[in-house]
Amino acid sequence: MQSDQHLTEFMVHAFSQPRRVAGQAGVAVSSYAVFWSVARKEGRTQVEIAEETGLSAKTVSRVVSHLGGMRNGLGWIRQVADEDDRRRRRLFLSARGKSLHARMLKDLKKIASEPAKS
């Protein structure tokens, strides 16, 4: 699928260079993996995100805290208690996260339109 190829190119470009990605310096690859997983399908749980990304549940929990709005978090995602089980949290992009996602998609389109390097 062409969009998967573009996403892969974007990620390789983004993480192979020590520069800012979408205005955020020093964000770990695991943070972007969780962010993109949430953006791809909002409303999933941390366990589901861990299964998709291959990250441990502990890592996802730590990343969610970092990406969320709690204690100096980036404010990219928000957690909502599940209606059926209040202990379970569902993950969604925040307004700030949606804005960042739109900028990243714009960057992705720009990268995809650049001629391939040999």
N, C-alpha and C. Protein backbone atom coordinates (compact mmCIF):
# COMPACT_ATOMS: atom_id res chain seq x y z
N MET A 1 0.84 -1.17 0.00
CA MET A 1 0.00 0.00 0.00
C MET A 1 0.89 1.24 0.00
N GLN A 2 0.60 2.18 -0.86
CA GLN A 2 1.43 3.35 -1.02
C GLN A 2 1.47 4.22 0.23
N SER A 3 0.34 4.39 0.91
CA SER A 3 0.33 5.23 2.12
C SER A 3 1.21 4.64 3.21
N ASP A 4 1.29 3.30 3.31
CA ASP A 4 2.18 2.68 4.28
C ASP A 4 3.62 2.99 3.95
N GLN A 5 3.95 2.98 2.66
CA GLN A 5 5.31 3.30 2.23
C GLN A 5 5.64 4.74 2.59
N HIS A 6 4.71 5.64 2.36
CA HIS A 6 4.94 7.05 2.69
C HIS A 6 5.11 7.24 4.19
N LEU A 7 4.30 6.54 4.97
CA LEU A 7 4.42 6.64 6.41
C LEU A 7 5.78 6.13 6.86
N THR A 8 6.22 5.03 6.29
CA THR A 8 7.53 4.48 6.61
C THR A 8 8.63 5.48 6.26
N GLU A 9 8.55 6.07 5.07
CA GLU A 9 9.53 7.07 4.65
C GLU A 9 9.53 8.25 5.62
N PHE A 10 8.35 8.68 6.04
CA PHE A 10 8.24 9.79 6.97
C PHE A 10 8.92 9.45 8.29
N MET A 11 8.64 8.26 8.80
CA MET A 11 9.21 7.87 10.08
C MET A 11 10.74 7.74 9.99
N VAL A 12 11.22 7.13 8.92
CA VAL A 12 12.67 7.00 8.74
C VAL A 12 13.29 8.39 8.69
N HIS A 13 12.70 9.28 7.92
CA HIS A 13 13.20 10.65 7.81
C HIS A 13 13.16 11.35 9.16
N ALA A 14 12.05 11.20 9.86
CA ALA A 14 11.86 11.90 11.13
C ALA A 14 12.85 11.43 12.19
N PHE A 15 13.10 10.13 12.26
CA PHE A 15 13.90 9.61 13.35
C PHE A 15 15.36 9.41 13.01
N SER A 16 15.74 9.59 11.75
CA SER A 16 17.14 9.41 11.37
C SER A 16 17.92 10.70 11.50
N GLN A 17 17.26 11.77 11.79
CA GLN A 17 17.94 13.06 11.87
C GLN A 17 17.73 13.67 13.25
N PRO A 18 18.79 14.20 13.83
CA PRO A 18 18.64 14.84 15.13
C PRO A 18 18.09 16.26 14.98
N ARG A 19 16.87 16.34 14.54
CA ARG A 19 16.25 17.64 14.37
C ARG A 19 14.84 17.59 14.92
N ARG A 20 14.19 18.72 14.96
CA ARG A 20 12.84 18.79 15.49
C ARG A 20 11.85 18.20 14.50
N VAL A 21 10.92 17.42 15.01
CA VAL A 21 9.84 16.86 14.21
C VAL A 21 8.56 17.53 14.68
N ALA A 22 7.91 18.23 13.77
CA ALA A 22 6.67 18.94 14.08
C ALA A 22 6.81 19.82 15.31
N GLY A 23 7.97 20.44 15.44
CA GLY A 23 8.17 21.39 16.53
C GLY A 23 8.48 20.77 17.88
N GLN A 24 8.72 19.47 17.94
CA GLN A 24 8.98 18.81 19.21
C GLN A 24 10.36 18.17 19.18
N ALA A 25 11.25 18.67 20.00
CA ALA A 25 12.59 18.09 20.09
C ALA A 25 12.63 17.08 21.23
N GLY A 26 13.43 16.07 21.07
CA GLY A 26 13.67 15.12 22.15
C GLY A 26 12.53 14.18 22.46
N VAL A 27 11.65 13.93 21.52
CA VAL A 27 10.55 13.00 21.76
C VAL A 27 11.01 11.61 21.30
N ALA A 28 10.83 10.63 22.15
CA ALA A 28 11.29 9.27 21.88
C ALA A 28 10.46 8.59 20.79
N VAL A 29 11.08 7.63 20.13
CA VAL A 29 10.39 6.87 19.09
C VAL A 29 9.16 6.17 19.67
N SER A 30 9.26 5.67 20.90
CA SER A 30 8.11 5.01 21.52
C SER A 30 6.93 5.97 21.67
N SER A 31 7.22 7.24 21.92
CA SER A 31 6.15 8.23 22.04
C SER A 31 5.44 8.42 20.71
N TYR A 32 6.21 8.48 19.63
CA TYR A 32 5.58 8.61 18.32
C TYR A 32 4.81 7.35 17.95
N ALA A 33 5.32 6.18 18.34
CA ALA A 33 4.60 4.94 18.04
C ALA A 33 3.23 4.94 18.72
N VAL A 34 3.19 5.34 19.98
CA VAL A 34 1.92 5.39 20.71
C VAL A 34 1.02 6.48 20.11
N PHE A 35 1.60 7.64 19.84
CA PHE A 35 0.83 8.74 19.26
C PHE A 35 0.16 8.32 17.95
N TRP A 36 0.93 7.73 17.04
CA TRP A 36 0.39 7.33 15.74
C TRP A 36 -0.64 6.21 15.89
N SER A 37 -0.43 5.33 16.84
CA SER A 37 -1.38 4.26 17.08
C SER A 37 -2.72 4.82 17.56
N VAL A 38 -2.67 5.79 18.46
CA VAL A 38 -3.89 6.43 18.93
C VAL A 38 -4.55 7.19 17.79
N ALA A 39 -3.75 7.93 17.01
CA ALA A 39 -4.29 8.72 15.90
C ALA A 39 -4.96 7.82 14.86
N ARG A 40 -4.37 6.64 14.65
CA ARG A 40 -4.91 5.72 13.64
C ARG A 40 -6.29 5.19 14.03
N LYS A 41 -6.48 4.95 15.32
CA LYS A 41 -7.77 4.44 15.78
C LYS A 41 -7.99 4.88 17.22
N GLU A 42 -8.67 6.00 17.36
CA GLU A 42 -8.92 6.54 18.69
C GLU A 42 -9.91 5.66 19.45
N GLY A 43 -9.81 5.72 20.77
CA GLY A 43 -10.72 4.98 21.62
C GLY A 43 -10.19 3.65 22.09
N ARG A 44 -8.99 3.30 21.68
CA ARG A 44 -8.42 2.03 22.13
C ARG A 44 -7.81 2.17 23.52
N THR A 45 -7.58 1.05 24.16
CA THR A 45 -6.99 1.02 25.49
C THR A 45 -5.47 0.93 25.39
N GLN A 46 -4.81 1.13 26.52
CA GLN A 46 -3.36 1.00 26.56
C GLN A 46 -2.92 -0.41 26.19
N VAL A 47 -3.68 -1.41 26.62
CA VAL A 47 -3.34 -2.80 26.29
C VAL A 47 -3.40 -3.01 24.78
N GLU A 48 -4.41 -2.47 24.14
CA GLU A 48 -4.53 -2.60 22.68
C GLU A 48 -3.40 -1.87 21.97
N ILE A 49 -3.01 -0.71 22.49
CA ILE A 49 -1.89 0.04 21.92
C ILE A 49 -0.60 -0.76 22.07
N ALA A 50 -0.41 -1.37 23.22
CA ALA A 50 0.79 -2.19 23.46
C ALA A 50 0.85 -3.35 22.48
N GLU A 51 -0.28 -4.00 22.26
CA GLU A 51 -0.32 -5.12 21.33
C GLU A 51 0.02 -4.68 19.91
N GLU A 52 -0.49 -3.52 19.50
CA GLU A 52 -0.23 -3.06 18.14
C GLU A 52 1.21 -2.61 17.94
N THR A 53 1.75 -1.91 18.92
CA THR A 53 3.09 -1.33 18.76
C THR A 53 4.21 -2.29 19.13
N GLY A 54 3.89 -3.33 19.89
CA GLY A 54 4.93 -4.25 20.34
C GLY A 54 5.67 -3.73 21.57
N LEU A 55 5.22 -2.62 22.11
CA LEU A 55 5.82 -2.08 23.33
C LEU A 55 5.22 -2.79 24.54
N SER A 56 5.96 -2.80 25.63
CA SER A 56 5.43 -3.41 26.85
C SER A 56 4.31 -2.52 27.41
N ALA A 57 3.45 -3.12 28.20
CA ALA A 57 2.36 -2.38 28.83
C ALA A 57 2.93 -1.28 29.73
N LYS A 58 4.03 -1.56 30.40
CA LYS A 58 4.68 -0.58 31.28
C LYS A 58 5.18 0.61 30.46
N THR A 59 5.79 0.34 29.32
CA THR A 59 6.29 1.42 28.46
C THR A 59 5.14 2.26 27.95
N VAL A 60 4.07 1.61 27.51
CA VAL A 60 2.90 2.36 27.00
C VAL A 60 2.33 3.23 28.11
N SER A 61 2.23 2.71 29.31
CA SER A 61 1.71 3.48 30.44
C SER A 61 2.57 4.72 30.68
N ARG A 62 3.88 4.54 30.66
CA ARG A 62 4.80 5.66 30.86
C ARG A 62 4.66 6.68 29.75
N VAL A 63 4.57 6.20 28.50
CA VAL A 63 4.44 7.09 27.35
C VAL A 63 3.11 7.84 27.40
N VAL A 64 2.04 7.16 27.76
CA VAL A 64 0.73 7.81 27.86
C VAL A 64 0.78 8.94 28.89
N SER A 65 1.45 8.71 30.00
CA SER A 65 1.62 9.78 30.99
C SER A 65 2.38 10.96 30.40
N HIS A 66 3.42 10.67 29.63
CA HIS A 66 4.23 11.71 29.00
C HIS A 66 3.45 12.47 27.92
N LEU A 67 2.64 11.75 27.16
CA LEU A 67 1.89 12.38 26.07
C LEU A 67 0.61 13.05 26.54
N GLY A 68 0.16 12.69 27.71
CA GLY A 68 -1.09 13.23 28.23
C GLY A 68 -0.91 14.60 28.85
N GLY A 69 -1.95 15.05 29.52
CA GLY A 69 -1.93 16.37 30.12
C GLY A 69 -1.54 16.38 31.58
N MET A 70 -1.19 15.25 32.13
CA MET A 70 -0.86 15.16 33.55
C MET A 70 0.60 15.57 33.80
N ARG A 71 0.86 16.30 34.85
CA ARG A 71 2.22 16.64 35.30
C ARG A 71 3.22 16.88 34.18
N ASN A 72 3.20 18.00 33.60
CA ASN A 72 4.16 18.38 32.56
C ASN A 72 4.08 17.53 31.30
N GLY A 73 2.98 16.88 31.07
CA GLY A 73 2.81 16.10 29.85
C GLY A 73 2.73 17.01 28.63
N LEU A 74 2.86 16.41 27.47
CA LEU A 74 2.83 17.17 26.22
C LEU A 74 1.43 17.62 25.83
N GLY A 75 0.43 16.95 26.36
CA GLY A 75 -0.95 17.32 26.06
C GLY A 75 -1.41 16.87 24.68
N TRP A 76 -0.80 15.82 24.15
CA TRP A 76 -1.15 15.32 22.82
C TRP A 76 -2.33 14.36 22.85
N ILE A 77 -2.49 13.64 23.95
CA ILE A 77 -3.60 12.68 24.04
C ILE A 77 -4.35 12.90 25.34
N ARG A 78 -5.58 12.38 25.37
CA ARG A 78 -6.38 12.45 26.59
C ARG A 78 -6.93 11.06 26.87
N GLN A 79 -7.17 10.80 28.13
CA GLN A 79 -7.71 9.52 28.56
C GLN A 79 -9.15 9.73 29.03
N VAL A 80 -10.00 8.81 28.63
CA VAL A 80 -11.41 8.86 29.02
C VAL A 80 -11.76 7.51 29.63
N ALA A 81 -12.41 7.54 30.77
CA ALA A 81 -12.81 6.29 31.43
C ALA A 81 -13.82 5.55 30.55
N ASP A 82 -13.64 4.24 30.45
CA ASP A 82 -14.55 3.38 29.70
C ASP A 82 -15.91 3.37 30.39
N GLU A 83 -16.96 3.43 29.61
CA GLU A 83 -18.32 3.45 30.19
C GLU A 83 -18.65 2.15 30.92
N ASP A 84 -18.14 1.02 30.42
CA ASP A 84 -18.45 -0.28 31.02
C ASP A 84 -17.54 -0.64 32.19
N ASP A 85 -16.32 -0.15 32.17
CA ASP A 85 -15.35 -0.47 33.22
C ASP A 85 -14.54 0.79 33.50
N ARG A 86 -14.88 1.51 34.55
CA ARG A 86 -14.26 2.80 34.86
C ARG A 86 -12.76 2.70 35.11
N ARG A 87 -12.25 1.49 35.39
CA ARG A 87 -10.81 1.32 35.60
C ARG A 87 -10.06 1.38 34.28
N ARG A 88 -10.72 1.05 33.20
CA ARG A 88 -10.11 1.02 31.87
C ARG A 88 -10.18 2.42 31.27
N ARG A 89 -9.09 2.85 30.67
CA ARG A 89 -9.03 4.17 30.04
C ARG A 89 -8.92 4.02 28.52
N ARG A 90 -9.71 4.81 27.82
CA ARG A 90 -9.66 4.85 26.36
C ARG A 90 -8.86 6.08 25.97
N LEU A 91 -8.07 5.96 24.90
CA LEU A 91 -7.17 7.03 24.49
C LEU A 91 -7.67 7.73 23.23
N PHE A 92 -7.58 9.04 23.26
CA PHE A 92 -8.01 9.89 22.14
C PHE A 92 -6.98 11.01 21.96
N LEU A 93 -6.89 11.55 20.77
CA LEU A 93 -6.06 12.73 20.56
C LEU A 93 -6.76 13.94 21.18
N SER A 94 -5.99 14.79 21.82
CA SER A 94 -6.52 16.05 22.33
C SER A 94 -6.58 17.04 21.17
N ALA A 95 -7.10 18.20 21.40
CA ALA A 95 -7.11 19.24 20.36
C ALA A 95 -5.68 19.53 19.91
N ARG A 96 -4.78 19.62 20.86
CA ARG A 96 -3.37 19.85 20.54
C ARG A 96 -2.80 18.68 19.73
N GLY A 97 -3.16 17.46 20.11
CA GLY A 97 -2.71 16.27 19.39
C GLY A 97 -3.24 16.24 17.97
N LYS A 98 -4.49 16.63 17.79
CA LYS A 98 -5.07 16.65 16.44
C LYS A 98 -4.37 17.69 15.57
N SER A 99 -4.02 18.81 16.14
CA SER A 99 -3.29 19.83 15.41
C SER A 99 -1.90 19.32 15.01
N LEU A 100 -1.22 18.67 15.94
CA LEU A 100 0.09 18.09 15.65
C LEU A 100 -0.03 17.03 14.58
N HIS A 101 -1.04 16.18 14.68
CA HIS A 101 -1.25 15.12 13.70
C HIS A 101 -1.44 15.72 12.31
N ALA A 102 -2.21 16.78 12.20
CA ALA A 102 -2.42 17.44 10.90
C ALA A 102 -1.11 17.99 10.35
N ARG A 103 -0.28 18.58 11.23
CA ARG A 103 1.03 19.08 10.77
C ARG A 103 1.93 17.95 10.31
N MET A 104 1.89 16.82 11.03
CA MET A 104 2.72 15.68 10.64
C MET A 104 2.25 15.10 9.31
N LEU A 105 0.95 15.04 9.10
CA LEU A 105 0.44 14.55 7.82
C LEU A 105 0.86 15.48 6.69
N LYS A 106 0.87 16.77 6.96
CA LYS A 106 1.33 17.75 5.97
C LYS A 106 2.80 17.51 5.64
N ASP A 107 3.61 17.28 6.68
CA ASP A 107 5.02 16.96 6.47
C ASP A 107 5.18 15.67 5.67
N LEU A 108 4.34 14.70 5.97
CA LEU A 108 4.36 13.43 5.27
C LEU A 108 4.10 13.62 3.78
N LYS A 109 3.11 14.43 3.46
CA LYS A 109 2.80 14.70 2.05
C LYS A 109 3.97 15.40 1.37
N LYS A 110 4.60 16.31 2.08
CA LYS A 110 5.75 17.03 1.52
C LYS A 110 6.89 16.07 1.23
N ILE A 111 7.18 15.20 2.19
CA ILE A 111 8.26 14.22 2.02
C ILE A 111 7.93 13.27 0.87
N ALA A 112 6.66 12.84 0.80
CA ALA A 112 6.24 11.91 -0.24
C ALA A 112 6.36 12.52 -1.63
N SER A 113 6.25 13.85 -1.73
CA SER A 113 6.32 14.48 -3.04
C SER A 113 7.75 14.79 -3.47
N GLU A 114 8.70 14.64 -2.55
CA GLU A 114 10.11 14.88 -2.90
C GLU A 114 10.63 13.72 -3.73
N PRO A 115 11.54 14.01 -4.67
CA PRO A 115 12.12 12.93 -5.46
C PRO A 115 12.90 11.96 -4.57
N ALA A 116 12.82 10.69 -4.90
CA ALA A 116 13.52 9.66 -4.13
C ALA A 116 15.02 9.87 -4.25
N LYS A 117 15.72 9.65 -3.13
CA LYS A 117 17.18 9.76 -3.13
C LYS A 117 17.78 8.39 -3.35
N SER A 118 18.82 8.35 -4.13
CA SER A 118 19.47 7.05 -4.42
C SER A 118 20.52 6.75 -3.42
